[in-house]
């Protein structure tokens, strides 16, 4: 799928018209129409505003398969929110550097392999 197709789906899923989204983002309705139907692409700062307005990630808007990506993103969120231990763990790691996250992932893998 293209960015335009993903944008249209995400906008409709949120219940917004092109005009609604344009007003929230601070651009013209015709600009949203151009993104959706004429393969035009927004500048990065506008893309960030669109993703925020639609309550989705930039990755979701740019995904090759919007539906699969959206389902995956929603499932991860639900799984974290519905598990108190995962919420605690997520809050612990969210401020860490990628190197530290990788270190702890490897540590967990090592501990799990030693159990078995």
N, C-alpha and C. Protein backbone atom coordinates (compact mmCIF):
# COMPACT_ATOMS: atom_id res chain seq x y z
N UNK A 1 0.83 -1.18 0.00
CA UNK A 1 0.00 0.00 0.00
C UNK A 1 0.88 1.25 0.00
N UNK A 2 0.33 2.30 -0.50
CA UNK A 2 1.07 3.57 -0.54
C UNK A 2 0.76 4.39 0.70
N UNK A 3 1.56 5.41 0.92
CA UNK A 3 1.31 6.34 2.01
C UNK A 3 -0.11 6.90 1.91
N UNK A 4 -0.50 7.29 0.71
CA UNK A 4 -1.82 7.88 0.51
C UNK A 4 -2.95 6.93 0.91
N UNK A 5 -2.83 5.67 0.53
CA UNK A 5 -3.84 4.68 0.89
C UNK A 5 -3.88 4.47 2.40
N UNK A 6 -2.70 4.39 3.02
CA UNK A 6 -2.62 4.23 4.47
C UNK A 6 -3.22 5.44 5.19
N UNK A 7 -2.90 6.62 4.69
CA UNK A 7 -3.43 7.84 5.28
C UNK A 7 -4.96 7.85 5.24
N UNK A 8 -5.49 7.50 4.10
CA UNK A 8 -6.95 7.49 3.94
C UNK A 8 -7.60 6.51 4.91
N UNK A 9 -7.02 5.30 5.03
CA UNK A 9 -7.57 4.31 5.95
C UNK A 9 -7.49 4.80 7.39
N UNK A 10 -6.34 5.32 7.77
CA UNK A 10 -6.16 5.80 9.14
C UNK A 10 -7.11 6.96 9.45
N UNK A 11 -7.27 7.85 8.49
CA UNK A 11 -8.17 8.99 8.66
C UNK A 11 -9.60 8.52 8.85
N UNK A 12 -10.02 7.60 8.00
CA UNK A 12 -11.40 7.08 8.09
C UNK A 12 -11.61 6.28 9.37
N UNK A 13 -10.59 5.52 9.78
CA UNK A 13 -10.68 4.76 11.03
C UNK A 13 -10.89 5.69 12.22
N UNK A 14 -10.34 6.87 12.14
CA UNK A 14 -10.47 7.86 13.21
C UNK A 14 -11.78 8.64 13.08
N UNK A 15 -12.47 8.49 11.94
CA UNK A 15 -13.74 9.18 11.72
C UNK A 15 -13.59 10.62 11.27
N UNK A 16 -12.41 10.95 10.73
CA UNK A 16 -12.15 12.31 10.27
C UNK A 16 -12.43 12.46 8.78
N UNK A 17 -12.91 13.62 8.40
CA UNK A 17 -12.95 13.98 6.98
C UNK A 17 -11.59 14.56 6.64
N UNK A 18 -11.36 14.77 5.35
CA UNK A 18 -10.11 15.43 4.94
C UNK A 18 -10.03 16.82 5.57
N UNK A 19 -11.16 17.49 5.61
CA UNK A 19 -11.19 18.84 6.20
C UNK A 19 -10.85 18.80 7.68
N UNK A 20 -11.41 17.83 8.41
CA UNK A 20 -11.12 17.70 9.84
C UNK A 20 -9.62 17.55 10.07
N UNK A 21 -9.02 16.62 9.35
CA UNK A 21 -7.60 16.34 9.51
C UNK A 21 -6.77 17.56 9.14
N UNK A 22 -7.11 18.19 8.04
CA UNK A 22 -6.38 19.37 7.59
C UNK A 22 -6.40 20.47 8.65
N UNK A 23 -7.55 20.69 9.27
CA UNK A 23 -7.67 21.72 10.30
C UNK A 23 -6.81 21.39 11.52
N UNK A 24 -6.81 20.13 11.93
CA UNK A 24 -6.02 19.71 13.08
C UNK A 24 -4.53 19.89 12.81
N UNK A 25 -4.11 19.51 11.61
CA UNK A 25 -2.69 19.55 11.25
C UNK A 25 -2.25 20.97 10.89
N UNK A 26 -3.19 21.79 10.43
CA UNK A 26 -2.86 23.17 10.06
C UNK A 26 -2.44 23.32 8.61
N UNK A 27 -3.06 22.50 7.75
CA UNK A 27 -2.79 22.59 6.31
C UNK A 27 -4.12 22.64 5.57
N UNK A 28 -4.06 22.78 4.26
CA UNK A 28 -5.28 22.85 3.45
C UNK A 28 -5.86 21.46 3.21
N UNK A 29 -7.18 21.41 3.05
CA UNK A 29 -7.85 20.15 2.74
C UNK A 29 -7.33 19.57 1.43
N UNK A 30 -7.05 20.45 0.47
CA UNK A 30 -6.56 19.98 -0.83
C UNK A 30 -5.19 19.31 -0.70
N UNK A 31 -4.45 19.70 0.31
CA UNK A 31 -3.15 19.06 0.54
C UNK A 31 -3.35 17.63 1.01
N UNK A 32 -4.30 17.43 1.92
CA UNK A 32 -4.63 16.06 2.36
C UNK A 32 -5.11 15.24 1.17
N UNK A 33 -5.95 15.82 0.34
CA UNK A 33 -6.44 15.12 -0.86
C UNK A 33 -5.28 14.74 -1.77
N UNK A 34 -4.31 15.62 -1.91
CA UNK A 34 -3.13 15.32 -2.73
C UNK A 34 -2.32 14.17 -2.17
N UNK A 35 -2.21 14.12 -0.84
CA UNK A 35 -1.49 13.00 -0.22
C UNK A 35 -2.22 11.69 -0.49
N UNK A 36 -3.56 11.73 -0.41
CA UNK A 36 -4.33 10.51 -0.53
C UNK A 36 -4.48 10.02 -1.96
N UNK A 37 -4.50 10.92 -2.92
CA UNK A 37 -4.83 10.46 -4.28
C UNK A 37 -3.80 10.80 -5.35
N UNK A 38 -2.84 11.63 -5.06
CA UNK A 38 -1.90 12.03 -6.10
C UNK A 38 -0.45 11.68 -5.79
N UNK A 39 -0.26 10.74 -4.87
CA UNK A 39 1.07 10.29 -4.49
C UNK A 39 1.99 11.41 -4.01
N UNK A 40 1.40 12.49 -3.51
CA UNK A 40 2.21 13.54 -2.90
C UNK A 40 2.59 13.09 -1.50
N UNK A 41 3.73 13.57 -1.02
CA UNK A 41 4.18 13.18 0.31
C UNK A 41 4.48 14.41 1.13
N UNK A 42 4.15 14.35 2.42
CA UNK A 42 4.36 15.51 3.28
C UNK A 42 5.81 15.64 3.73
N UNK A 43 6.16 16.84 4.17
CA UNK A 43 7.44 17.04 4.84
C UNK A 43 7.39 16.31 6.17
N UNK A 44 8.52 16.02 6.73
CA UNK A 44 8.59 15.23 7.96
C UNK A 44 7.81 15.87 9.10
N UNK A 45 7.91 17.18 9.27
CA UNK A 45 7.20 17.83 10.37
C UNK A 45 5.68 17.71 10.20
N UNK A 46 5.20 17.74 8.97
CA UNK A 46 3.76 17.55 8.71
C UNK A 46 3.38 16.09 8.95
N UNK A 47 4.23 15.17 8.55
CA UNK A 47 3.99 13.75 8.77
C UNK A 47 3.85 13.45 10.26
N UNK A 48 4.69 14.06 11.08
CA UNK A 48 4.59 13.88 12.53
C UNK A 48 3.25 14.39 13.06
N UNK A 49 2.82 15.53 12.56
CA UNK A 49 1.53 16.10 13.00
C UNK A 49 0.37 15.21 12.57
N UNK A 50 0.45 14.67 11.37
CA UNK A 50 -0.61 13.77 10.88
C UNK A 50 -0.68 12.52 11.75
N UNK A 51 0.47 11.92 12.03
CA UNK A 51 0.50 10.71 12.86
C UNK A 51 -0.07 11.00 14.25
N UNK A 52 0.29 12.13 14.82
CA UNK A 52 -0.24 12.50 16.14
C UNK A 52 -1.75 12.69 16.09
N UNK A 53 -2.23 13.39 15.07
CA UNK A 53 -3.67 13.64 14.93
C UNK A 53 -4.45 12.34 14.77
N UNK A 54 -3.86 11.38 14.08
CA UNK A 54 -4.54 10.11 13.82
C UNK A 54 -4.24 9.06 14.89
N UNK A 55 -3.44 9.46 15.88
CA UNK A 55 -3.10 8.57 16.99
C UNK A 55 -2.50 7.26 16.50
N UNK A 56 -1.53 7.40 15.59
CA UNK A 56 -0.83 6.22 15.09
C UNK A 56 0.64 6.60 14.90
N UNK A 57 1.45 5.63 14.62
CA UNK A 57 2.87 5.90 14.41
C UNK A 57 3.12 6.29 12.94
N UNK A 58 4.23 6.95 12.73
CA UNK A 58 4.66 7.25 11.37
C UNK A 58 4.87 5.95 10.61
N UNK A 59 5.42 4.94 11.31
CA UNK A 59 5.64 3.63 10.69
C UNK A 59 4.35 3.05 10.13
N UNK A 60 3.26 3.22 10.87
CA UNK A 60 1.97 2.70 10.41
C UNK A 60 1.56 3.37 9.11
N UNK A 61 1.77 4.68 9.03
CA UNK A 61 1.39 5.41 7.81
C UNK A 61 2.26 5.03 6.62
N UNK A 62 3.49 4.62 6.89
CA UNK A 62 4.42 4.28 5.81
C UNK A 62 4.51 2.79 5.53
N UNK A 63 3.79 1.98 6.30
CA UNK A 63 3.89 0.52 6.18
C UNK A 63 3.43 0.02 4.82
N UNK A 64 4.06 -1.03 4.36
CA UNK A 64 3.67 -1.66 3.10
C UNK A 64 2.31 -2.31 3.26
N UNK A 65 2.03 -2.90 4.44
CA UNK A 65 0.75 -3.55 4.70
C UNK A 65 0.13 -2.91 5.94
N UNK A 66 -0.62 -1.86 5.73
CA UNK A 66 -1.22 -1.07 6.81
C UNK A 66 -2.00 -1.94 7.79
N UNK A 67 -2.86 -2.80 7.28
CA UNK A 67 -3.73 -3.58 8.15
C UNK A 67 -2.94 -4.49 9.08
N UNK A 68 -1.96 -5.20 8.56
CA UNK A 68 -1.14 -6.09 9.39
C UNK A 68 -0.34 -5.29 10.40
N UNK A 69 0.23 -4.18 9.95
CA UNK A 69 1.04 -3.37 10.85
C UNK A 69 0.18 -2.79 11.96
N UNK A 70 -0.99 -2.30 11.62
CA UNK A 70 -1.89 -1.70 12.61
C UNK A 70 -2.31 -2.75 13.64
N UNK A 71 -2.64 -3.94 13.19
CA UNK A 71 -3.05 -5.01 14.10
C UNK A 71 -1.90 -5.35 15.03
N UNK A 72 -0.71 -5.47 14.49
CA UNK A 72 0.45 -5.81 15.29
C UNK A 72 0.72 -4.73 16.34
N UNK A 73 0.67 -3.48 15.93
CA UNK A 73 0.91 -2.36 16.84
C UNK A 73 -0.14 -2.34 17.95
N UNK A 74 -1.39 -2.56 17.60
CA UNK A 74 -2.46 -2.57 18.60
C UNK A 74 -2.33 -3.75 19.55
N UNK A 75 -1.93 -4.91 19.04
CA UNK A 75 -1.78 -6.09 19.88
C UNK A 75 -0.67 -5.90 20.91
N UNK A 76 0.42 -5.31 20.49
CA UNK A 76 1.53 -5.06 21.42
C UNK A 76 1.08 -4.12 22.52
N UNK A 77 0.41 -3.06 22.15
CA UNK A 77 -0.08 -2.09 23.13
C UNK A 77 -1.02 -2.75 24.11
N UNK A 78 -1.98 -3.52 23.61
CA UNK A 78 -2.95 -4.19 24.49
C UNK A 78 -2.25 -5.17 25.42
N UNK A 79 -1.28 -5.91 24.89
CA UNK A 79 -0.59 -6.90 25.71
C UNK A 79 0.16 -6.23 26.85
N UNK A 80 0.81 -5.11 26.57
CA UNK A 80 1.53 -4.39 27.63
C UNK A 80 0.55 -3.83 28.65
N UNK A 81 -0.52 -3.19 28.16
CA UNK A 81 -1.47 -2.55 29.07
C UNK A 81 -2.24 -3.55 29.94
N UNK A 82 -2.40 -4.77 29.46
CA UNK A 82 -3.17 -5.77 30.20
C UNK A 82 -2.31 -6.65 31.10
N UNK A 83 -1.02 -6.37 31.19
CA UNK A 83 -0.13 -7.19 32.01
C UNK A 83 0.70 -6.25 32.89
N UNK A 84 0.43 -6.29 34.20
CA UNK A 84 1.12 -5.37 35.12
C UNK A 84 2.63 -5.56 35.12
N UNK A 85 3.09 -6.80 34.98
CA UNK A 85 4.54 -7.05 34.96
C UNK A 85 5.19 -6.48 33.70
N UNK A 86 4.50 -6.62 32.56
CA UNK A 86 5.02 -6.04 31.32
C UNK A 86 5.04 -4.52 31.39
N UNK A 87 4.02 -3.92 32.02
CA UNK A 87 4.00 -2.47 32.19
C UNK A 87 5.20 -2.01 33.01
N UNK A 88 5.48 -2.72 34.12
CA UNK A 88 6.63 -2.37 34.95
C UNK A 88 7.93 -2.48 34.17
N UNK A 89 8.07 -3.58 33.45
CA UNK A 89 9.27 -3.80 32.65
C UNK A 89 9.41 -2.73 31.56
N UNK A 90 8.32 -2.44 30.88
CA UNK A 90 8.35 -1.42 29.84
C UNK A 90 8.78 -0.08 30.41
N UNK A 91 8.23 0.30 31.56
CA UNK A 91 8.61 1.57 32.17
C UNK A 91 10.07 1.60 32.59
N UNK A 92 10.61 0.46 32.98
CA UNK A 92 12.03 0.38 33.34
C UNK A 92 12.94 0.60 32.14
N UNK A 93 12.56 0.01 31.00
CA UNK A 93 13.48 0.03 29.85
C UNK A 93 13.27 1.22 28.91
N UNK A 94 12.15 1.91 29.01
CA UNK A 94 11.87 2.92 28.00
C UNK A 94 12.84 4.09 27.98
N UNK A 95 13.53 4.36 29.07
CA UNK A 95 14.50 5.44 29.06
C UNK A 95 15.93 4.98 28.78
N UNK A 96 16.10 3.70 28.56
CA UNK A 96 17.45 3.15 28.34
C UNK A 96 17.92 3.37 26.91
N UNK A 97 19.22 3.35 26.77
CA UNK A 97 19.81 3.40 25.43
C UNK A 97 19.59 2.05 24.75
N UNK A 98 19.72 2.03 23.44
CA UNK A 98 19.57 0.76 22.70
C UNK A 98 20.61 -0.26 23.12
N UNK A 99 21.81 0.20 23.44
CA UNK A 99 22.87 -0.72 23.89
C UNK A 99 22.48 -1.39 25.20
N UNK A 100 21.92 -0.63 26.12
CA UNK A 100 21.49 -1.21 27.39
C UNK A 100 20.32 -2.17 27.19
N UNK A 101 19.39 -1.80 26.34
CA UNK A 101 18.26 -2.69 26.06
C UNK A 101 18.77 -4.01 25.48
N UNK A 102 19.70 -3.92 24.54
CA UNK A 102 20.27 -5.13 23.94
C UNK A 102 20.98 -5.98 24.99
N UNK A 103 21.71 -5.33 25.88
CA UNK A 103 22.41 -6.05 26.96
C UNK A 103 21.41 -6.85 27.79
N UNK A 104 20.32 -6.21 28.22
CA UNK A 104 19.34 -6.90 29.05
C UNK A 104 18.57 -7.97 28.28
N UNK A 105 18.34 -7.76 27.01
CA UNK A 105 17.72 -8.82 26.19
C UNK A 105 18.60 -10.05 26.17
N UNK A 106 19.90 -9.83 25.94
CA UNK A 106 20.84 -10.96 25.92
C UNK A 106 20.95 -11.62 27.28
N UNK A 107 20.90 -10.83 28.34
CA UNK A 107 20.95 -11.38 29.69
C UNK A 107 19.73 -12.27 29.94
N UNK A 108 18.57 -11.82 29.53
CA UNK A 108 17.34 -12.61 29.69
C UNK A 108 17.45 -13.91 28.89
N UNK A 109 17.94 -13.83 27.66
CA UNK A 109 18.11 -15.03 26.84
C UNK A 109 19.06 -16.01 27.52
N UNK A 110 20.15 -15.50 28.08
CA UNK A 110 21.12 -16.36 28.75
C UNK A 110 20.48 -17.05 29.96
N UNK A 111 19.78 -16.29 30.78
CA UNK A 111 19.14 -16.86 31.98
C UNK A 111 18.11 -17.91 31.56
N UNK A 112 17.32 -17.64 30.53
CA UNK A 112 16.32 -18.60 30.05
C UNK A 112 17.00 -19.88 29.53
N UNK A 113 18.13 -19.75 28.86
CA UNK A 113 18.81 -20.93 28.32
C UNK A 113 19.41 -21.77 29.45
N UNK A 114 19.79 -21.14 30.54
CA UNK A 114 20.36 -21.87 31.68
C UNK A 114 19.30 -22.60 32.49
N UNK A 115 18.07 -22.14 32.41
CA UNK A 115 16.96 -22.79 33.13
C UNK A 115 16.65 -24.16 32.54
N UNK A 116 16.71 -24.22 31.21
CA UNK A 116 16.25 -25.39 30.48
C UNK A 116 17.16 -26.51 30.53
